[in-house]
């Protein structure tokens, strides 16, 4: 998704879980926003590297995400 801004377009990603439930947004600058149920606004979580921000949205530890990613890379290198 791209949001038009007077300073230029802002690329954002909608983050969903495996059940397609909306968890929040991330943008290209590493800003993460968490969806707040029954509210019109998202909660700003901060600026993070992609793995850490996604871990916050998925409410898990970044270490688990990184380890899973490394395992996939090792498997595909075989």
PDB file of N, CA and C in Angstrom:
ATOM      1  N   UNK A   1       0.845  -1.157   0.000  1.00  0.00           N
ATOM      2  CA  UNK A   1       0.000   0.000   0.000  1.00  0.00           C
ATOM      3  C   UNK A   1       0.899   1.230   0.000  1.00  0.00           C
ATOM      4  N   UNK A   2       0.512   2.254  -0.692  1.00  0.00           N
ATOM      5  CA  UNK A   2       1.262   3.507  -0.741  1.00  0.00           C
ATOM      6  C   UNK A   2       0.341   4.636  -0.326  1.00  0.00           C
ATOM      7  N   UNK A   3       0.798   5.441   0.620  1.00  0.00           N
ATOM      8  CA  UNK A   3       0.035   6.602   1.081  1.00  0.00           C
ATOM      9  C   UNK A   3       0.640   7.831   0.420  1.00  0.00           C
ATOM     10  N   UNK A   4      -0.186   8.625  -0.219  1.00  0.00           N
ATOM     11  CA  UNK A   4       0.292   9.845  -0.868  1.00  0.00           C
ATOM     12  C   UNK A   4       0.500  10.927   0.186  1.00  0.00           C
ATOM     13  N   UNK A   5       1.684  11.508   0.184  1.00  0.00           N
ATOM     14  CA  UNK A   5       2.070  12.542   1.129  1.00  0.00           C
ATOM     15  C   UNK A   5       2.651  13.693   0.314  1.00  0.00           C
ATOM     16  N   UNK A   6       2.447  14.955   0.712  1.00  0.00           N
ATOM     17  CA  UNK A   6       3.010  16.069  -0.048  1.00  0.00           C
ATOM     18  C   UNK A   6       4.529  15.980  -0.224  1.00  0.00           C
ATOM     19  N   UNK A   7       5.212  15.338   0.724  1.00  0.00           N
ATOM     20  CA  UNK A   7       6.669  15.192   0.639  1.00  0.00           C
ATOM     21  C   UNK A   7       7.083  13.991  -0.205  1.00  0.00           C
ATOM     22  N   UNK A   8       6.125  13.192  -0.626  1.00  0.00           N
ATOM     23  CA  UNK A   8       6.407  12.009  -1.433  1.00  0.00           C
ATOM     24  C   UNK A   8       5.625  10.819  -0.921  1.00  0.00           C
ATOM     25  N   UNK A   9       5.468   9.772  -1.736  1.00  0.00           N
ATOM     26  CA  UNK A   9       4.690   8.605  -1.316  1.00  0.00           C
ATOM     27  C   UNK A   9       5.359   7.865  -0.157  1.00  0.00           C
ATOM     28  N   UNK A  10       4.535   7.318   0.720  1.00  0.00           N
ATOM     29  CA  UNK A  10       5.013   6.543   1.866  1.00  0.00           C
ATOM     30  C   UNK A  10       4.558   5.102   1.664  1.00  0.00           C
ATOM     31  N   UNK A  11       5.514   4.181   1.530  1.00  0.00           N
ATOM     32  CA  UNK A  11       5.180   2.769   1.345  1.00  0.00           C
ATOM     33  C   UNK A  11       4.914   2.137   2.714  1.00  0.00           C
ATOM     34  N   UNK A  12       3.760   1.456   2.834  1.00  0.00           N
ATOM     35  CA  UNK A  12       3.384   0.799   4.092  1.00  0.00           C
ATOM     36  C   UNK A  12       2.923  -0.621   3.799  1.00  0.00           C
ATOM     37  N   UNK A  13       3.137  -1.492   4.761  1.00  0.00           N
ATOM     38  CA  UNK A  13       2.700  -2.877   4.658  1.00  0.00           C
ATOM     39  C   UNK A  13       1.680  -3.157   5.739  1.00  0.00           C
ATOM     40  N   UNK A  14       0.612  -3.805   5.354  1.00  0.00           N
ATOM     41  CA  UNK A  14      -0.408  -4.262   6.304  1.00  0.00           C
ATOM     42  C   UNK A  14       0.063  -5.617   6.814  1.00  0.00           C
ATOM     43  N   UNK A  15       0.137  -5.788   8.114  1.00  0.00           N
ATOM     44  CA  UNK A  15       0.628  -7.030   8.717  1.00  0.00           C
ATOM     45  C   UNK A  15      -0.567  -7.821   9.240  1.00  0.00           C
ATOM     46  N   UNK A  16      -0.669  -9.069   8.790  1.00  0.00           N
ATOM     47  CA  UNK A  16      -1.743  -9.966   9.221  1.00  0.00           C
ATOM     48  C   UNK A  16      -1.137 -11.265   9.729  1.00  0.00           C
ATOM     49  N   UNK A  17      -1.884 -11.963  10.572  1.00  0.00           N
ATOM     50  CA  UNK A  17      -1.421 -13.276  11.008  1.00  0.00           C
ATOM     51  C   UNK A  17      -1.907 -14.340  10.024  1.00  0.00           C
ATOM     52  N   UNK A  18      -1.637 -15.601  10.315  1.00  0.00           N
ATOM     53  CA  UNK A  18      -1.994 -16.675   9.386  1.00  0.00           C
ATOM     54  C   UNK A  18      -3.503 -16.831   9.204  1.00  0.00           C
ATOM     55  N   UNK A  19      -4.291 -16.296  10.136  1.00  0.00           N
ATOM     56  CA  UNK A  19      -5.757 -16.316  10.010  1.00  0.00           C
ATOM     57  C   UNK A  19      -6.285 -15.049   9.343  1.00  0.00           C
ATOM     58  N   UNK A  20      -5.369 -14.238   8.787  1.00  0.00           N
ATOM     59  CA  UNK A  20      -5.672 -12.995   8.093  1.00  0.00           C
ATOM     60  C   UNK A  20      -6.279 -11.928   9.008  1.00  0.00           C
ATOM     61  N   UNK A  21      -5.974 -12.017  10.311  1.00  0.00           N
ATOM     62  CA  UNK A  21      -6.402 -10.989  11.247  1.00  0.00           C
ATOM     63  C   UNK A  21      -5.414  -9.828  11.175  1.00  0.00           C
ATOM     64  N   UNK A  22      -5.920  -8.624  11.118  1.00  0.00           N
ATOM     65  CA  UNK A  22      -5.108  -7.425  10.978  1.00  0.00           C
ATOM     66  C   UNK A  22      -4.389  -7.134  12.287  1.00  0.00           C
ATOM     67  N   UNK A  23      -3.047  -7.106  12.249  1.00  0.00           N
ATOM     68  CA  UNK A  23      -2.243  -6.836  13.438  1.00  0.00           C
ATOM     69  C   UNK A  23      -1.721  -5.414  13.497  1.00  0.00           C
ATOM     70  N   UNK A  24      -1.444  -4.831  12.331  1.00  0.00           N
ATOM     71  CA  UNK A  24      -0.920  -3.467  12.316  1.00  0.00           C
ATOM     72  C   UNK A  24      -0.276  -3.128  10.988  1.00  0.00           C
ATOM     73  N   UNK A  25       0.534  -2.056  11.007  1.00  0.00           N
ATOM     74  CA  UNK A  25       1.220  -1.576   9.823  1.00  0.00           C
ATOM     75  C   UNK A  25       2.709  -1.438  10.095  1.00  0.00           C
ATOM     76  N   UNK A  26       3.492  -1.507   9.033  1.00  0.00           N
ATOM     77  CA  UNK A  26       4.918  -1.174   9.072  1.00  0.00           C
ATOM     78  C   UNK A  26       5.200  -0.311   7.851  1.00  0.00           C
ATOM     79  N   UNK A  27       6.152   0.624   7.983  1.00  0.00           N
ATOM     80  CA  UNK A  27       6.519   1.421   6.807  1.00  0.00           C
ATOM     81  C   UNK A  27       7.987   1.222   6.464  1.00  0.00           C
ATOM     82  N   UNK A  28       8.392   1.783   5.353  1.00  0.00           N
ATOM     83  CA  UNK A  28       9.745   1.580   4.846  1.00  0.00           C
ATOM     84  C   UNK A  28      10.813   2.195   5.748  1.00  0.00           C
ATOM     85  N   UNK A  29      10.439   3.123   6.616  1.00  0.00           N
ATOM     86  CA  UNK A  29      11.387   3.724   7.548  1.00  0.00           C
ATOM     87  C   UNK A  29      11.507   2.941   8.852  1.00  0.00           C
ATOM     88  N   UNK A  30      10.790   1.813   8.961  1.00  0.00           N
ATOM     89  CA  UNK A  30      10.879   0.972  10.153  1.00  0.00           C
ATOM     90  C   UNK A  30       9.939   1.364  11.273  1.00  0.00           C
ATOM     91  N   UNK A  31       8.945   2.192  10.970  1.00  0.00           N
ATOM     92  CA  UNK A  31       7.961   2.566  11.995  1.00  0.00           C
ATOM     93  C   UNK A  31       6.875   1.496  12.035  1.00  0.00           C
ATOM     94  N   UNK A  32       6.505   1.095  13.239  1.00  0.00           N
ATOM     95  CA  UNK A  32       5.511   0.044  13.431  1.00  0.00           C
ATOM     96  C   UNK A  32       4.331   0.581  14.232  1.00  0.00           C
ATOM     97  N   UNK A  33       3.137   0.217  13.761  1.00  0.00           N
ATOM     98  CA  UNK A  33       1.885   0.632  14.387  1.00  0.00           C
ATOM     99  C   UNK A  33       1.047  -0.614  14.647  1.00  0.00           C
ATOM    100  N   UNK A  34       0.553  -0.751  15.863  1.00  0.00           N
ATOM    101  CA  UNK A  34      -0.263  -1.910  16.237  1.00  0.00           C
ATOM    102  C   UNK A  34      -1.733  -1.540  16.200  1.00  0.00           C
ATOM    103  N   UNK A  35      -2.535  -2.427  15.645  1.00  0.00           N
ATOM    104  CA  UNK A  35      -3.982  -2.220  15.614  1.00  0.00           C
ATOM    105  C   UNK A  35      -4.524  -2.295  17.037  1.00  0.00           C
ATOM    106  N   UNK A  36      -5.444  -1.389  17.352  1.00  0.00           N
ATOM    107  CA  UNK A  36      -6.103  -1.385  18.660  1.00  0.00           C
ATOM    108  C   UNK A  36      -7.563  -1.743  18.411  1.00  0.00           C
ATOM    109  N   UNK A  37      -8.014  -2.904  18.915  1.00  0.00           N
ATOM    110  CA  UNK A  37      -9.412  -3.299  18.678  1.00  0.00           C
ATOM    111  C   UNK A  37     -10.394  -2.226  19.166  1.00  0.00           C
ATOM    112  N   UNK A  38     -11.453  -2.022  18.404  1.00  0.00           N
ATOM    113  CA  UNK A  38     -12.541  -1.088  18.726  1.00  0.00           C
ATOM    114  C   UNK A  38     -12.073   0.369  18.792  1.00  0.00           C
ATOM    115  N   UNK A  39     -11.015   0.692  18.061  1.00  0.00           N
ATOM    116  CA  UNK A  39     -10.511   2.056  18.011  1.00  0.00           C
ATOM    117  C   UNK A  39     -10.250   2.438  16.562  1.00  0.00           C
ATOM    118  N   UNK A  40     -10.342   3.724  16.265  1.00  0.00           N
ATOM    119  CA  UNK A  40     -10.061   4.212  14.920  1.00  0.00           C
ATOM    120  C   UNK A  40      -8.578   4.495  14.712  1.00  0.00           C
ATOM    121  N   UNK A  41      -7.778   4.383  15.752  1.00  0.00           N
ATOM    122  CA  UNK A  41      -6.357   4.725  15.675  1.00  0.00           C
ATOM    123  C   UNK A  41      -5.493   3.520  15.998  1.00  0.00           C
ATOM    124  N   UNK A  42      -4.292   3.527  15.416  1.00  0.00           N
ATOM    125  CA  UNK A  42      -3.311   2.499  15.736  1.00  0.00           C
ATOM    126  C   UNK A  42      -2.379   3.025  16.829  1.00  0.00           C
ATOM    127  N   UNK A  43      -1.740   2.116  17.549  1.00  0.00           N
ATOM    128  CA  UNK A  43      -0.781   2.478  18.599  1.00  0.00           C
ATOM    129  C   UNK A  43       0.623   2.456  17.999  1.00  0.00           C
ATOM    130  N   UNK A  44       1.363   3.556  18.092  1.00  0.00           N
ATOM    131  CA  UNK A  44       2.723   3.624  17.584  1.00  0.00           C
ATOM    132  C   UNK A  44       3.629   2.838  18.523  1.00  0.00           C
ATOM    133  N   UNK A  45       4.322   1.827  17.982  1.00  0.00           N
ATOM    134  CA  UNK A  45       5.208   0.998  18.792  1.00  0.00           C
ATOM    135  C   UNK A  45       6.639   1.521  18.813  1.00  0.00           C
ATOM    136  N   UNK A  46       7.046   2.198  17.752  1.00  0.00           N
ATOM    137  CA  UNK A  46       8.401   2.715  17.675  1.00  0.00           C
ATOM    138  C   UNK A  46       9.029   2.406  16.332  1.00  0.00           C
ATOM    139  N   UNK A  47      10.333   2.669  16.250  1.00  0.00           N
ATOM    140  CA  UNK A  47      11.097   2.418  15.037  1.00  0.00           C
ATOM    141  C   UNK A  47      12.039   1.255  15.315  1.00  0.00           C
ATOM    142  N   UNK A  48      11.939   0.213  14.491  1.00  0.00           N
ATOM    143  CA  UNK A  48      12.695  -1.018  14.717  1.00  0.00           C
ATOM    144  C   UNK A  48      13.172  -1.608  13.395  1.00  0.00           C
ATOM    145  N   UNK A  49      14.203  -2.462  13.457  1.00  0.00           N
ATOM    146  CA  UNK A  49      14.512  -3.287  12.281  1.00  0.00           C
ATOM    147  C   UNK A  49      13.302  -4.185  12.004  1.00  0.00           C
ATOM    148  N   UNK A  50      13.144  -4.625  10.778  1.00  0.00           N
ATOM    149  CA  UNK A  50      11.952  -5.386  10.375  1.00  0.00           C
ATOM    150  C   UNK A  50      11.670  -6.574  11.291  1.00  0.00           C
ATOM    151  N   UNK A  51      12.687  -7.385  11.605  1.00  0.00           N
ATOM    152  CA  UNK A  51      12.460  -8.587  12.425  1.00  0.00           C
ATOM    153  C   UNK A  51      11.939  -8.237  13.810  1.00  0.00           C
ATOM    154  N   UNK A  52      12.521  -7.203  14.430  1.00  0.00           N
ATOM    155  CA  UNK A  52      12.105  -6.819  15.777  1.00  0.00           C
ATOM    156  C   UNK A  52      10.699  -6.225  15.782  1.00  0.00           C
ATOM    157  N   UNK A  53      10.390  -5.389  14.805  1.00  0.00           N
ATOM    158  CA  UNK A  53       9.055  -4.793  14.732  1.00  0.00           C
ATOM    159  C   UNK A  53       7.978  -5.824  14.479  1.00  0.00           C
ATOM    160  N   UNK A  54       8.264  -6.768  13.577  1.00  0.00           N
ATOM    161  CA  UNK A  54       7.288  -7.828  13.318  1.00  0.00           C
ATOM    162  C   UNK A  54       7.105  -8.708  14.550  1.00  0.00           C
ATOM    163  N   UNK A  55       8.183  -8.960  15.275  1.00  0.00           N
ATOM    164  CA  UNK A  55       8.074  -9.756  16.505  1.00  0.00           C
ATOM    165  C   UNK A  55       7.147  -9.068  17.508  1.00  0.00           C
ATOM    166  N   UNK A  56       7.226  -7.743  17.593  1.00  0.00           N
ATOM    167  CA  UNK A  56       6.315  -7.011  18.476  1.00  0.00           C
ATOM    168  C   UNK A  56       4.867  -7.173  18.033  1.00  0.00           C
ATOM    169  N   UNK A  57       4.617  -7.045  16.733  1.00  0.00           N
ATOM    170  CA  UNK A  57       3.250  -7.182  16.235  1.00  0.00           C
ATOM    171  C   UNK A  57       2.719  -8.601  16.431  1.00  0.00           C
ATOM    172  N   UNK A  58       3.589  -9.593  16.248  1.00  0.00           N
ATOM    173  CA  UNK A  58       3.167 -10.985  16.423  1.00  0.00           C
ATOM    174  C   UNK A  58       3.254 -11.424  17.879  1.00  0.00           C
ATOM    175  N   UNK A  59       3.720 -10.501  18.759  1.00  0.00           N
ATOM    176  CA  UNK A  59       3.866 -10.762  20.183  1.00  0.00           C
ATOM    177  C   UNK A  59       4.715 -12.000  20.442  1.00  0.00           C
ATOM    178  N   UNK A  60       5.880 -12.031  19.825  1.00  0.00           N
ATOM    179  CA  UNK A  60       6.843 -13.099  20.017  1.00  0.00           C
ATOM    180  C   UNK A  60       8.219 -12.463  20.146  1.00  0.00           C
ATOM    181  N   UNK A  61       9.238 -13.261  20.311  1.00  0.00           N
ATOM    182  CA  UNK A  61      10.586 -12.728  20.439  1.00  0.00           C
ATOM    183  C   UNK A  61      11.261 -12.666  19.083  1.00  0.00           C
ATOM    184  N   UNK A  62      12.002 -11.592  18.846  1.00  0.00           N
ATOM    185  CA  UNK A  62      12.706 -11.431  17.568  1.00  0.00           C
ATOM    186  C   UNK A  62      13.682 -12.571  17.333  1.00  0.00           C
ATOM    187  N   UNK A  63      14.285 -13.086  18.401  1.00  0.00           N
ATOM    188  CA  UNK A  63      15.264 -14.165  18.273  1.00  0.00           C
ATOM    189  C   UNK A  63      14.642 -15.378  17.587  1.00  0.00           C
ATOM    190  N   UNK A  64      13.408 -15.686  17.907  1.00  0.00           N
ATOM    191  CA  UNK A  64      12.715 -16.819  17.298  1.00  0.00           C
ATOM    192  C   UNK A  64      12.537 -16.570  15.803  1.00  0.00           C
ATOM    193  N   UNK A  65      12.141 -15.374  15.429  1.00  0.00           N
ATOM    194  CA  UNK A  65      11.945 -15.029  14.025  1.00  0.00           C
ATOM    195  C   UNK A  65      13.253 -15.132  13.255  1.00  0.00           C
ATOM    196  N   UNK A  66      14.318 -14.603  13.825  1.00  0.00           N
ATOM    197  CA  UNK A  66      15.625 -14.631  13.167  1.00  0.00           C
ATOM    198  C   UNK A  66      16.116 -16.069  13.022  1.00  0.00           C
ATOM    199  N   UNK A  67      15.961 -16.873  14.054  1.00  0.00           N
ATOM    200  CA  UNK A  67      16.399 -18.265  13.985  1.00  0.00           C
ATOM    201  C   UNK A  67      15.613 -19.024  12.922  1.00  0.00           C
ATOM    202  N   UNK A  68      14.324 -18.779  12.838  1.00  0.00           N
ATOM    203  CA  UNK A  68      13.500 -19.460  11.825  1.00  0.00           C
ATOM    204  C   UNK A  68      13.947 -19.036  10.432  1.00  0.00           C
ATOM    205  N   UNK A  69      14.246 -17.762  10.245  1.00  0.00           N
ATOM    206  CA  UNK A  69      14.701 -17.260   8.953  1.00  0.00           C
ATOM    207  C   UNK A  69      16.040 -17.902   8.582  1.00  0.00           C
ATOM    208  N   UNK A  70      16.961 -18.007   9.548  1.00  0.00           N
ATOM    209  CA  UNK A  70      18.266 -18.625   9.290  1.00  0.00           C
ATOM    210  C   UNK A  70      18.107 -20.095   8.941  1.00  0.00           C
ATOM    211  N   UNK A  71      17.167 -20.783   9.580  1.00  0.00           N
ATOM    212  CA  UNK A  71      16.923 -22.197   9.276  1.00  0.00           C
ATOM    213  C   UNK A  71      16.442 -22.367   7.841  1.00  0.00           C
ATOM    214  N   UNK A  72      15.585 -21.481   7.381  1.00  0.00           N
ATOM    215  CA  UNK A  72      15.106 -21.539   6.002  1.00  0.00           C
ATOM    216  C   UNK A  72      16.252 -21.307   5.037  1.00  0.00           C
ATOM    217  N   UNK A  73      17.118 -20.335   5.347  1.00  0.00           N
ATOM    218  CA  UNK A  73      18.263 -20.083   4.485  1.00  0.00           C
ATOM    219  C   UNK A  73      19.203 -21.290   4.411  1.00  0.00           C
ATOM    220  N   UNK A  74      19.463 -21.923   5.555  1.00  0.00           N
ATOM    221  CA  UNK A  74      20.327 -23.120   5.570  1.00  0.00           C
ATOM    222  C   UNK A  74      19.710 -24.238   4.746  1.00  0.00           C
ATOM    223  N   UNK A  75      18.405 -24.427   4.881  1.00  0.00           N
ATOM    224  CA  UNK A  75      17.725 -25.505   4.160  1.00  0.00           C
ATOM    225  C   UNK A  75      17.762 -25.266   2.647  1.00  0.00           C
ATOM    226  N   UNK A  76      17.572 -23.992   2.234  1.00  0.00           N
ATOM    227  CA  UNK A  76      17.556 -23.693   0.811  1.00  0.00           C
ATOM    228  C   UNK A  76      18.963 -23.726   0.202  1.00  0.00           C
ATOM    229  N   UNK A  77      20.003 -23.632   1.043  1.00  0.00           N
ATOM    230  CA  UNK A  77      21.384 -23.652   0.538  1.00  0.00           C
ATOM    231  C   UNK A  77      21.839 -25.078   0.196  1.00  0.00           C
ATOM    232  N   UNK A  78      21.121 -26.057   0.679  1.00  0.00           N
ATOM    233  CA  UNK A  78      21.511 -27.464   0.421  1.00  0.00           C
ATOM    234  C   UNK A  78      21.279 -27.878  -0.979  1.00  0.00           C
TER     235      UNK A  78
END
